Amino acid sequence: MSSHDIFIGETIGTAILILLGGGVCAAVTLKRSKARGAGWLAITFGWGFAVLTGAYISAPLSGAHLNPAVTLGLAIEGGTKWSDVPVYLGGQILGAMIGAVLVWLAYYGQFHAHLTDPEIVGETKGKSVEARENAAGPVLGVFSTGPEIRNMVQNLVTEIIATFVLVLAILTQGLNGDGKGLGVIGVLITALVVVGIGLSIGGPTGYAINPVRDLGPRIVHSLLPLPNKGGSDWSYAWIPVVGPLIGGAIAGGIYNIAFA
């Protein structure tokens, strides 16, 4: 795989991942959406199908990492060259931001209806500027994750554990013949693992398990001209970046010790 193929594959695949994953969050969250209130099952399966679609599209070009934690785990395991890691990361963060913008465009009318609704806008009234900026806004959950109980140690550990499961499953069951990315059956296995993680360990933090899945859309949330959108919760933003990277690194190390 050339650097060009890796970058294009990761950009397109991650954009599709975030479009469909963020899209299901928008569908469940926003007023005037036909799927509003569909619940956690819809979100977990929606993200699983998002992984399935993005990975199948990008696998022929880049091996379908779509996640810096996966790239890091594969680099530690030896399937990915360290010199290719920055190319993967560049494509992933760009794709994540593109995907988030596409969610905004697809649900443009629903965002407007939601954020101009007196019931929704009233949630941010009466708070200080600092409190509004540090709190999760009324649509931030469409773009990025947030904890149900804000305990930084627990939140970090949850993301480490969940990402460890994901990356170890990929390393043991999901790789293609040359070990550089996901194979045909591996994509399906990985998508099902993502659903399983969401159902089992997703409750505390919303299971980012992917640094760019959270960071890219959070940046877009902070930049989009959305009225009454609330803050982007930057005080929490490091958890879904650092936690998955630690989890992916541990998975790569455990794989080399136990399976290689």
C-alpha atoms as a PDB file:
ATOM      1  CA  MET A   1       0.000   0.000   0.000  1.00  0.00           C
ATOM      2  CA  SER A   2       1.352   3.389  -1.013  1.00  0.00           C
ATOM      3  CA  SER A   3       1.127   6.424   1.250  1.00  0.00           C
ATOM      4  CA  HIS A   4      -1.383   7.893  -1.196  1.00  0.00           C
ATOM      5  CA  ASP A   5      -3.618   4.816  -0.975  1.00  0.00           C
ATOM      6  CA  ILE A   6      -3.390   4.753   2.813  1.00  0.00           C
ATOM      7  CA  PHE A   7      -4.301   8.419   3.159  1.00  0.00           C
ATOM      8  CA  ILE A   8      -7.192   8.298   0.691  1.00  0.00           C
ATOM      9  CA  GLY A   9      -8.520   5.012   2.065  1.00  0.00           C
ATOM     10  CA  GLU A  10      -8.436   6.190   5.670  1.00  0.00           C
ATOM     11  CA  THR A  11      -9.968   9.558   4.801  1.00  0.00           C
ATOM     12  CA  ILE A  12     -12.895   8.056   2.904  1.00  0.00           C
ATOM     13  CA  GLY A  13     -13.444   5.160   5.290  1.00  0.00           C
ATOM     14  CA  THR A  14     -13.337   7.306   8.436  1.00  0.00           C
ATOM     15  CA  ALA A  15     -15.642   9.882   6.849  1.00  0.00           C
ATOM     16  CA  ILE A  16     -18.197   7.144   6.136  1.00  0.00           C
ATOM     17  CA  LEU A  17     -17.743   5.768   9.669  1.00  0.00           C
ATOM     18  CA  ILE A  18     -18.487   9.147  11.266  1.00  0.00           C
ATOM     19  CA  LEU A  19     -21.270  10.022   8.815  1.00  0.00           C
ATOM     20  CA  LEU A  20     -23.206   6.860   9.662  1.00  0.00           C
ATOM     21  CA  GLY A  21     -22.220   6.706  13.331  1.00  0.00           C
ATOM     22  CA  GLY A  22     -22.818  10.373  14.025  1.00  0.00           C
ATOM     23  CA  GLY A  23     -25.894  10.104  11.833  1.00  0.00           C
ATOM     24  CA  VAL A  24     -27.546   7.539  14.082  1.00  0.00           C
ATOM     25  CA  CYS A  25     -26.793   9.750  17.100  1.00  0.00           C
ATOM     26  CA  ALA A  26     -28.434  12.682  15.301  1.00  0.00           C
ATOM     27  CA  ALA A  27     -31.397  10.523  14.297  1.00  0.00           C
ATOM     28  CA  VAL A  28     -32.018   9.457  17.886  1.00  0.00           C
ATOM     29  CA  THR A  29     -31.323  12.865  19.478  1.00  0.00           C
ATOM     30  CA  LEU A  30     -32.731  15.654  17.327  1.00  0.00           C
ATOM     31  CA  LYS A  31     -36.280  16.955  17.270  1.00  0.00           C
ATOM     32  CA  ARG A  32     -38.173  16.426  14.010  1.00  0.00           C
ATOM     33  CA  SER A  33     -36.151  13.274  13.289  1.00  0.00           C
ATOM     34  CA  LYS A  34     -38.281  10.221  12.530  1.00  0.00           C
ATOM     35  CA  ALA A  35     -35.980   8.086  14.695  1.00  0.00           C
ATOM     36  CA  ARG A  36     -35.974  10.394  17.734  1.00  0.00           C
ATOM     37  CA  GLY A  37     -35.961   8.427  20.982  1.00  0.00           C
ATOM     38  CA  ALA A  38     -35.091   5.109  19.313  1.00  0.00           C
ATOM     39  CA  GLY A  39     -32.628   4.453  22.129  1.00  0.00           C
ATOM     40  CA  TRP A  40     -29.329   2.786  22.909  1.00  0.00           C
ATOM     41  CA  LEU A  41     -29.903  -0.334  20.804  1.00  0.00           C
ATOM     42  CA  ALA A  42     -30.311   1.806  17.705  1.00  0.00           C
ATOM     43  CA  ILE A  43     -27.095   3.672  18.517  1.00  0.00           C
ATOM     44  CA  THR A  44     -25.004   0.564  19.168  1.00  0.00           C
ATOM     45  CA  PHE A  45     -26.153  -1.232  16.042  1.00  0.00           C
ATOM     46  CA  GLY A  46     -25.890   1.974  14.020  1.00  0.00           C
ATOM     47  CA  TRP A  47     -22.235   2.342  15.011  1.00  0.00           C
ATOM     48  CA  GLY A  48     -21.617  -1.326  14.232  1.00  0.00           C
ATOM     49  CA  PHE A  49     -23.019  -0.902  10.737  1.00  0.00           C
ATOM     50  CA  ALA A  50     -21.009   2.314  10.383  1.00  0.00           C
ATOM     51  CA  VAL A  51     -17.818   0.369  11.071  1.00  0.00           C
ATOM     52  CA  LEU A  52     -18.922  -2.362   8.667  1.00  0.00           C
ATOM     53  CA  THR A  53     -19.570   0.087   5.814  1.00  0.00           C
ATOM     54  CA  GLY A  54     -16.526   2.307   6.305  1.00  0.00           C
ATOM     55  CA  ALA A  55     -14.188  -0.645   6.703  1.00  0.00           C
ATOM     56  CA  TYR A  56     -15.421  -2.556   3.647  1.00  0.00           C
ATOM     57  CA  ILE A  57     -15.067   0.584   1.517  1.00  0.00           C
ATOM     58  CA  SER A  58     -11.536   1.426   2.682  1.00  0.00           C
ATOM     59  CA  ALA A  59     -10.065  -2.066   3.184  1.00  0.00           C
ATOM     60  CA  PRO A  60      -8.768  -2.483  -0.403  1.00  0.00           C
ATOM     61  CA  LEU A  61      -6.847   0.799  -0.174  1.00  0.00           C
ATOM     62  CA  SER A  62      -5.588   1.094   3.392  1.00  0.00           C
ATOM     63  CA  GLY A  63      -6.519  -2.033   5.313  1.00  0.00           C
ATOM     64  CA  ALA A  64      -9.338  -0.139   7.068  1.00  0.00           C
ATOM     65  CA  HIS A  65      -7.752   0.919  10.347  1.00  0.00           C
ATOM     66  CA  LEU A  66     -10.064   3.970  10.709  1.00  0.00           C
ATOM     67  CA  ASN A  67      -8.827   4.371  14.278  1.00  0.00           C
ATOM     68  CA  PRO A  68      -5.454   5.549  15.681  1.00  0.00           C
ATOM     69  CA  ALA A  69      -5.733   2.960  18.478  1.00  0.00           C
ATOM     70  CA  VAL A  70      -5.919   0.207  15.854  1.00  0.00           C
ATOM     71  CA  THR A  71      -3.013   1.722  13.936  1.00  0.00           C
ATOM     72  CA  LEU A  72      -0.934   1.918  17.125  1.00  0.00           C
ATOM     73  CA  GLY A  73      -1.772  -1.663  18.081  1.00  0.00           C
ATOM     74  CA  LEU A  74      -0.810  -2.898  14.615  1.00  0.00           C
ATOM     75  CA  ALA A  75       2.440  -0.910  14.688  1.00  0.00           C
ATOM     76  CA  ILE A  76       3.384  -2.459  18.036  1.00  0.00           C
ATOM     77  CA  GLU A  77       2.357  -5.907  16.772  1.00  0.00           C
ATOM     78  CA  GLY A  78       4.490  -5.355  13.664  1.00  0.00           C
ATOM     79  CA  GLY A  79       1.888  -5.455  10.896  1.00  0.00           C
ATOM     80  CA  THR A  80       2.112  -1.729  10.183  1.00  0.00           C
ATOM     81  CA  LYS A  81       5.327   0.192   9.554  1.00  0.00           C
ATOM     82  CA  TRP A  82       5.941   3.007  12.022  1.00  0.00           C
ATOM     83  CA  SER A  83       6.729   5.285   9.078  1.00  0.00           C
ATOM     84  CA  ASP A  84       3.149   4.800   7.849  1.00  0.00           C
ATOM     85  CA  VAL A  85       1.560   5.718  11.186  1.00  0.00           C
ATOM     86  CA  PRO A  86       1.457   9.520  10.558  1.00  0.00           C
ATOM     87  CA  VAL A  87      -0.177   8.920   7.165  1.00  0.00           C
ATOM     88  CA  TYR A  88      -2.868   6.783   8.777  1.00  0.00           C
ATOM     89  CA  LEU A  89      -3.463   9.349  11.503  1.00  0.00           C
ATOM     90  CA  GLY A  90      -3.671  12.240   9.021  1.00  0.00           C
ATOM     91  CA  GLY A  91      -6.285  10.486   6.921  1.00  0.00           C
ATOM     92  CA  GLN A  92      -8.263   9.436   9.978  1.00  0.00           C
ATOM     93  CA  ILE A  93      -8.548  12.892  11.548  1.00  0.00           C
ATOM     94  CA  LEU A  94      -9.400  14.536   8.213  1.00  0.00           C
ATOM     95  CA  GLY A  95     -12.011  11.871   7.471  1.00  0.00           C
ATOM     96  CA  ALA A  96     -13.553  12.227  10.924  1.00  0.00           C
ATOM     97  CA  MET A  97     -13.978  15.969  10.453  1.00  0.00           C
ATOM     98  CA  ILE A  98     -15.448  15.540   6.976  1.00  0.00           C
ATOM     99  CA  GLY A  99     -17.885  12.945   8.310  1.00  0.00           C
ATOM    100  CA  ALA A 100     -19.027  15.278  11.085  1.00  0.00           C
ATOM    101  CA  VAL A 101     -19.671  18.079   8.597  1.00  0.00           C
ATOM    102  CA  LEU A 102     -21.717  15.670   6.464  1.00  0.00           C
ATOM    103  CA  VAL A 103     -23.865  14.778   9.496  1.00  0.00           C
ATOM    104  CA  TRP A 104     -24.554  18.486   9.997  1.00  0.00           C
ATOM    105  CA  LEU A 105     -25.525  18.907   6.348  1.00  0.00           C
ATOM    106  CA  ALA A 106     -27.757  15.816   6.324  1.00  0.00           C
ATOM    107  CA  TYR A 107     -29.596  16.952   9.467  1.00  0.00           C
ATOM    108  CA  TYR A 108     -29.396  20.704   8.864  1.00  0.00           C
ATOM    109  CA  GLY A 109     -33.107  21.330   9.380  1.00  0.00           C
ATOM    110  CA  GLN A 110     -33.268  19.095  12.442  1.00  0.00           C
ATOM    111  CA  PHE A 111     -30.319  20.873  14.075  1.00  0.00           C
ATOM    112  CA  HIS A 112     -32.085  24.203  13.544  1.00  0.00           C
ATOM    113  CA  ALA A 113     -35.401  22.895  14.891  1.00  0.00           C
ATOM    114  CA  HIS A 114     -33.714  21.330  17.907  1.00  0.00           C
ATOM    115  CA  LEU A 115     -31.551  24.274  18.855  1.00  0.00           C
ATOM    116  CA  THR A 116     -34.279  26.872  18.479  1.00  0.00           C
ATOM    117  CA  ASP A 117     -36.800  24.890  20.501  1.00  0.00           C
ATOM    118  CA  PRO A 118     -37.590  26.751  23.766  1.00  0.00           C
ATOM    119  CA  GLU A 119     -37.422  23.531  25.796  1.00  0.00           C
ATOM    120  CA  ILE A 120     -33.918  22.739  24.536  1.00  0.00           C
ATOM    121  CA  VAL A 121     -32.608  26.311  24.652  1.00  0.00           C
ATOM    122  CA  GLY A 122     -33.906  26.660  28.202  1.00  0.00           C
ATOM    123  CA  GLU A 123     -31.426  24.012  29.376  1.00  0.00           C
ATOM    124  CA  THR A 124     -28.527  26.463  28.922  1.00  0.00           C
ATOM    125  CA  LYS A 125     -30.199  29.604  30.211  1.00  0.00           C
ATOM    126  CA  GLY A 126     -29.261  30.912  33.620  1.00  0.00           C
ATOM    127  CA  LYS A 127     -25.819  29.296  33.576  1.00  0.00           C
ATOM    128  CA  SER A 128     -22.569  31.224  33.641  1.00  0.00           C
ATOM    129  CA  VAL A 129     -20.507  31.490  30.481  1.00  0.00           C
ATOM    130  CA  GLU A 130     -17.893  29.194  32.008  1.00  0.00           C
ATOM    131  CA  ALA A 131     -20.521  26.620  32.991  1.00  0.00           C
ATOM    132  CA  ARG A 132     -22.015  26.669  29.509  1.00  0.00           C
ATOM    133  CA  GLU A 133     -18.604  26.209  27.913  1.00  0.00           C
ATOM    134  CA  ASN A 134     -17.612  23.363  30.227  1.00  0.00           C
ATOM    135  CA  ALA A 135     -20.928  21.522  30.058  1.00  0.00           C
ATOM    136  CA  ALA A 136     -22.017  19.195  27.301  1.00  0.00           C
ATOM    137  CA  GLY A 137     -24.270  21.211  25.031  1.00  0.00           C
ATOM    138  CA  PRO A 138     -27.675  20.107  23.766  1.00  0.00           C
ATOM    139  CA  VAL A 139     -26.184  18.593  20.574  1.00  0.00           C
ATOM    140  CA  LEU A 140     -22.629  17.721  21.601  1.00  0.00           C
ATOM    141  CA  GLY A 141     -23.631  14.062  21.963  1.00  0.00           C
ATOM    142  CA  VAL A 142     -24.274  13.932  18.219  1.00  0.00           C
ATOM    143  CA  PHE A 143     -20.618  14.729  17.618  1.00  0.00           C
ATOM    144  CA  SER A 144     -18.634  13.288  20.528  1.00  0.00           C
ATOM    145  CA  THR A 145     -18.873  11.271  23.709  1.00  0.00           C
ATOM    146  CA  GLY A 146     -19.370  12.219  27.332  1.00  0.00           C
ATOM    147  CA  PRO A 147     -19.575  10.347  30.638  1.00  0.00           C
ATOM    148  CA  GLU A 148     -22.728   9.672  32.609  1.00  0.00           C
ATOM    149  CA  ILE A 149     -20.702  10.004  35.823  1.00  0.00           C
ATOM    150  CA  ARG A 150     -17.781  12.427  35.518  1.00  0.00           C
ATOM    151  CA  ASN A 151     -14.980  10.570  37.262  1.00  0.00           C
ATOM    152  CA  MET A 152     -11.838  11.035  35.199  1.00  0.00           C
ATOM    153  CA  VAL A 153     -10.081   7.934  36.525  1.00  0.00           C
ATOM    154  CA  GLN A 154     -13.069   5.672  35.946  1.00  0.00           C
ATOM    155  CA  ASN A 155     -13.776   7.257  32.562  1.00  0.00           C
ATOM    156  CA  LEU A 156     -10.177   6.739  31.457  1.00  0.00           C
ATOM    157  CA  VAL A 157     -10.117   3.133  32.662  1.00  0.00           C
ATOM    158  CA  THR A 158     -13.407   2.388  30.893  1.00  0.00           C
ATOM    159  CA  GLU A 159     -12.058   3.671  27.577  1.00  0.00           C
ATOM    160  CA  ILE A 160      -8.806   1.717  28.051  1.00  0.00           C
ATOM    161  CA  ILE A 161     -10.660  -1.543  28.746  1.00  0.00           C
ATOM    162  CA  ALA A 162     -13.134  -1.134  25.881  1.00  0.00           C
ATOM    163  CA  THR A 163     -10.440  -0.261  23.335  1.00  0.00           C
ATOM    164  CA  PHE A 164      -8.214  -3.085  24.553  1.00  0.00           C
ATOM    165  CA  VAL A 165     -11.028  -5.533  23.760  1.00  0.00           C
ATOM    166  CA  LEU A 166     -11.539  -4.023  20.309  1.00  0.00           C
ATOM    167  CA  VAL A 167      -7.891  -4.003  19.256  1.00  0.00           C
ATOM    168  CA  LEU A 168      -7.106  -7.452  20.687  1.00  0.00           C
ATOM    169  CA  ALA A 169     -10.107  -8.861  18.815  1.00  0.00           C
ATOM    170  CA  ILE A 170      -8.802  -7.314  15.602  1.00  0.00           C
ATOM    171  CA  LEU A 171      -5.281  -8.634  16.135  1.00  0.00           C
ATOM    172  CA  THR A 172      -6.439 -12.170  16.929  1.00  0.00           C
ATOM    173  CA  GLN A 173      -9.371 -12.551  14.550  1.00  0.00           C
ATOM    174  CA  GLY A 174      -9.669  -9.704  12.102  1.00  0.00           C
ATOM    175  CA  LEU A 175      -6.450  -9.307  10.105  1.00  0.00           C
ATOM    176  CA  ASN A 176      -6.073  -9.939   6.390  1.00  0.00           C
ATOM    177  CA  GLY A 177      -3.512 -12.280   4.899  1.00  0.00           C
ATOM    178  CA  ASP A 178      -0.546  -9.890   5.131  1.00  0.00           C
ATOM    179  CA  GLY A 179      -1.498  -8.685   8.610  1.00  0.00           C
ATOM    180  CA  LYS A 180      -1.630  -5.007   7.622  1.00  0.00           C
ATOM    181  CA  GLY A 181      -5.346  -4.427   8.111  1.00  0.00           C
ATOM    182  CA  LEU A 182      -8.798  -5.972   8.227  1.00  0.00           C
ATOM    183  CA  GLY A 183      -9.732  -8.905   6.030  1.00  0.00           C
ATOM    184  CA  VAL A 184     -13.155  -9.602   4.530  1.00  0.00           C
ATOM    185  CA  ILE A 185     -14.366 -11.700   7.455  1.00  0.00           C
ATOM    186  CA  GLY A 186     -12.371  -9.546   9.850  1.00  0.00           C
ATOM    187  CA  VAL A 187     -14.495  -6.513   8.975  1.00  0.00           C
ATOM    188  CA  LEU A 188     -17.666  -8.378   9.926  1.00  0.00           C
ATOM    189  CA  ILE A 189     -16.121  -9.663  13.165  1.00  0.00           C
ATOM    190  CA  THR A 190     -14.915  -6.178  14.076  1.00  0.00           C
ATOM    191  CA  ALA A 191     -18.337  -4.642  13.436  1.00  0.00           C
ATOM    192  CA  LEU A 192     -19.954  -7.217  15.718  1.00  0.00           C
ATOM    193  CA  VAL A 193     -17.310  -6.604  18.387  1.00  0.00           C
ATOM    194  CA  VAL A 194     -18.089  -2.870  18.244  1.00  0.00           C
ATOM    195  CA  VAL A 195     -21.790  -3.647  18.785  1.00  0.00           C
ATOM    196  CA  GLY A 196     -20.890  -5.935  21.683  1.00  0.00           C
ATOM    197  CA  ILE A 197     -18.664  -3.313  23.297  1.00  0.00           C
ATOM    198  CA  GLY A 198     -21.412  -0.719  22.985  1.00  0.00           C
ATOM    199  CA  LEU A 199     -23.981  -2.990  24.598  1.00  0.00           C
ATOM    200  CA  SER A 200     -21.697  -4.225  27.373  1.00  0.00           C
ATOM    201  CA  ILE A 201     -19.223  -1.440  28.220  1.00  0.00           C
ATOM    202  CA  GLY A 202     -20.658   1.567  26.417  1.00  0.00           C
ATOM    203  CA  GLY A 203     -22.882   2.825  29.209  1.00  0.00           C
ATOM    204  CA  PRO A 204     -20.383   4.755  31.356  1.00  0.00           C
ATOM    205  CA  THR A 205     -18.719   6.929  28.678  1.00  0.00           C
ATOM    206  CA  GLY A 206     -20.483   6.354  25.359  1.00  0.00           C
ATOM    207  CA  TYR A 207     -17.530   4.180  24.201  1.00  0.00           C
ATOM    208  CA  ALA A 208     -15.400   6.414  21.984  1.00  0.00           C
ATOM    209  CA  ILE A 209     -12.805   3.595  21.556  1.00  0.00           C
ATOM    210  CA  ASN A 210     -11.335   5.742  18.784  1.00  0.00           C
ATOM    211  CA  PRO A 211      -9.494   9.046  19.321  1.00  0.00           C
ATOM    212  CA  VAL A 212     -10.444  10.645  15.995  1.00  0.00           C
ATOM    213  CA  ARG A 213     -14.057   9.490  16.262  1.00  0.00           C
ATOM    214  CA  ASP A 214     -14.289  11.845  19.236  1.00  0.00           C
ATOM    215  CA  LEU A 215     -11.726  14.575  18.561  1.00  0.00           C
ATOM    216  CA  GLY A 216     -12.511  15.294  14.906  1.00  0.00           C
ATOM    217  CA  PRO A 217     -16.260  15.797  15.396  1.00  0.00           C
ATOM    218  CA  ARG A 218     -15.661  17.727  18.633  1.00  0.00           C
ATOM    219  CA  ILE A 219     -13.505  20.196  16.687  1.00  0.00           C
ATOM    220  CA  VAL A 220     -16.250  20.475  14.068  1.00  0.00           C
ATOM    221  CA  HIS A 221     -18.857  21.045  16.808  1.00  0.00           C
ATOM    222  CA  SER A 222     -16.776  23.929  18.146  1.00  0.00           C
ATOM    223  CA  LEU A 223     -16.555  25.525  14.682  1.00  0.00           C
ATOM    224  CA  LEU A 224     -20.022  25.003  13.208  1.00  0.00           C
ATOM    225  CA  PRO A 225     -22.406  27.983  13.235  1.00  0.00           C
ATOM    226  CA  LEU A 226     -24.990  26.239  15.410  1.00  0.00           C
ATOM    227  CA  PRO A 227     -27.119  28.525  17.609  1.00  0.00           C
ATOM    228  CA  ASN A 228     -27.391  27.657  21.307  1.00  0.00           C
ATOM    229  CA  LYS A 229     -25.186  24.600  20.798  1.00  0.00           C
ATOM    230  CA  GLY A 230     -23.518  24.769  24.225  1.00  0.00           C
ATOM    231  CA  GLY A 231     -19.855  24.131  24.965  1.00  0.00           C
ATOM    232  CA  SER A 232     -17.624  21.473  23.406  1.00  0.00           C
ATOM    233  CA  ASP A 233     -16.532  20.109  26.821  1.00  0.00           C
ATOM    234  CA  TRP A 234     -12.798  20.410  26.194  1.00  0.00           C
ATOM    235  CA  SER A 235     -12.006  19.570  29.816  1.00  0.00           C
ATOM    236  CA  TYR A 236     -13.126  15.994  29.086  1.00  0.00           C
ATOM    237  CA  ALA A 237     -11.808  15.770  25.509  1.00  0.00           C
ATOM    238  CA  TRP A 238      -8.451  14.193  26.449  1.00  0.00           C
ATOM    239  CA  ILE A 239     -10.097  11.072  27.941  1.00  0.00           C
ATOM    240  CA  PRO A 240     -11.450   9.627  24.648  1.00  0.00           C
ATOM    241  CA  VAL A 241      -8.084  10.341  23.014  1.00  0.00           C
ATOM    242  CA  VAL A 242      -5.627   9.085  25.628  1.00  0.00           C
ATOM    243  CA  GLY A 243      -7.723   6.142  26.878  1.00  0.00           C
ATOM    244  CA  PRO A 244      -8.100   4.427  23.488  1.00  0.00           C
ATOM    245  CA  LEU A 245      -4.421   4.953  22.654  1.00  0.00           C
ATOM    246  CA  ILE A 246      -3.398   3.298  25.920  1.00  0.00           C
ATOM    247  CA  GLY A 247      -5.856   0.457  25.318  1.00  0.00           C
ATOM    248  CA  GLY A 248      -4.585  -0.094  21.782  1.00  0.00           C
ATOM    249  CA  ALA A 249      -0.954  -0.086  22.928  1.00  0.00           C
ATOM    250  CA  ILE A 250      -1.680  -2.612  25.687  1.00  0.00           C
ATOM    251  CA  ALA A 251      -3.500  -4.863  23.219  1.00  0.00           C
ATOM    252  CA  GLY A 252      -0.533  -4.779  20.845  1.00  0.00           C
ATOM    253  CA  GLY A 253       1.851  -5.647  23.665  1.00  0.00           C
ATOM    254  CA  ILE A 254      -0.330  -8.466  25.021  1.00  0.00           C
ATOM    255  CA  TYR A 255      -0.686  -9.900  21.530  1.00  0.00           C
ATOM    256  CA  ASN A 256       3.099 -10.039  21.087  1.00  0.00           C
ATOM    257  CA  ILE A 257       3.499 -11.734  24.472  1.00  0.00           C
ATOM    258  CA  ALA A 258       0.635 -14.206  24.309  1.00  0.00           C
ATOM    259  CA  PHE A 259      -0.127 -14.898  20.653  1.00  0.00           C
ATOM    260  CA  ALA A 260       2.892 -14.100  18.495  1.00  0.00           C
END
